Amino acid sequence: MVLTLAVFWLLPPATTTTDKTKSSPHPGLLKRKVVFSIAIKEYSMSRDSTRQLSPSFKVREFGCKGSDVILIDEELVVLLQCIREHFGKPVHITSGYRTAAYNARKDVGGVKFSQHQYGKAADIWIDGVSVDTLANYIDQSVLPNTGGIGRYYKDAAHPNRKQPFVHIDVRKARSRWLG
């Protein structure tokens, strides 16, 4: 499957000649439109684990325990790279692609038609950035009208969670939830 995606990169005024965008959340920055094709690609952990998908992400970060096959939607990688550049800190992926068998495990807690199974989702966290700060940025700037965003806290109701995280996926419909 190949999709076309228009990504708007915010750049300092000296690096582009496009017009200023009045609605930009970053005053003084200019906006440039970049259009390219997006596809879900299949990788092999044994062959491709060190392959660079973007300046900050490698194939191995999206891997599923017990599987050599990894599906990754390129749109997801682009959005994760945008998040990385916005916060200026590494984005940690705790779960990327999942096989149906792994997703069905009770300790994983995956839902039947999880976007993880299609390579379209990642559970992420950033050191020093709260779940709410991360999820709000994604909701307002990265996926304002589409995609899934789930907030997963480590709290009294979820004491066994190793790390609070945000689920992000690139489904076409908009979905928001607390997990």
Foldseek 3Di string as FASTA:
>chain_A
DKDKDKDKDWAAPVPDDDDADPPDPDPRTRIDIDIDMKDWDKAFCVPFQQPDLDPQDGQVQADEPPGRIGIAISLQVVLLVVLCVVVVFHKHFPHFAYDQVRQPDPVNVHDNPDLSPNNFKTWIDTPPAALVRSQVCCCPPPCVFAWEKEWEDCDPVNVPDPHTTIMTGGGGGYYYYYD
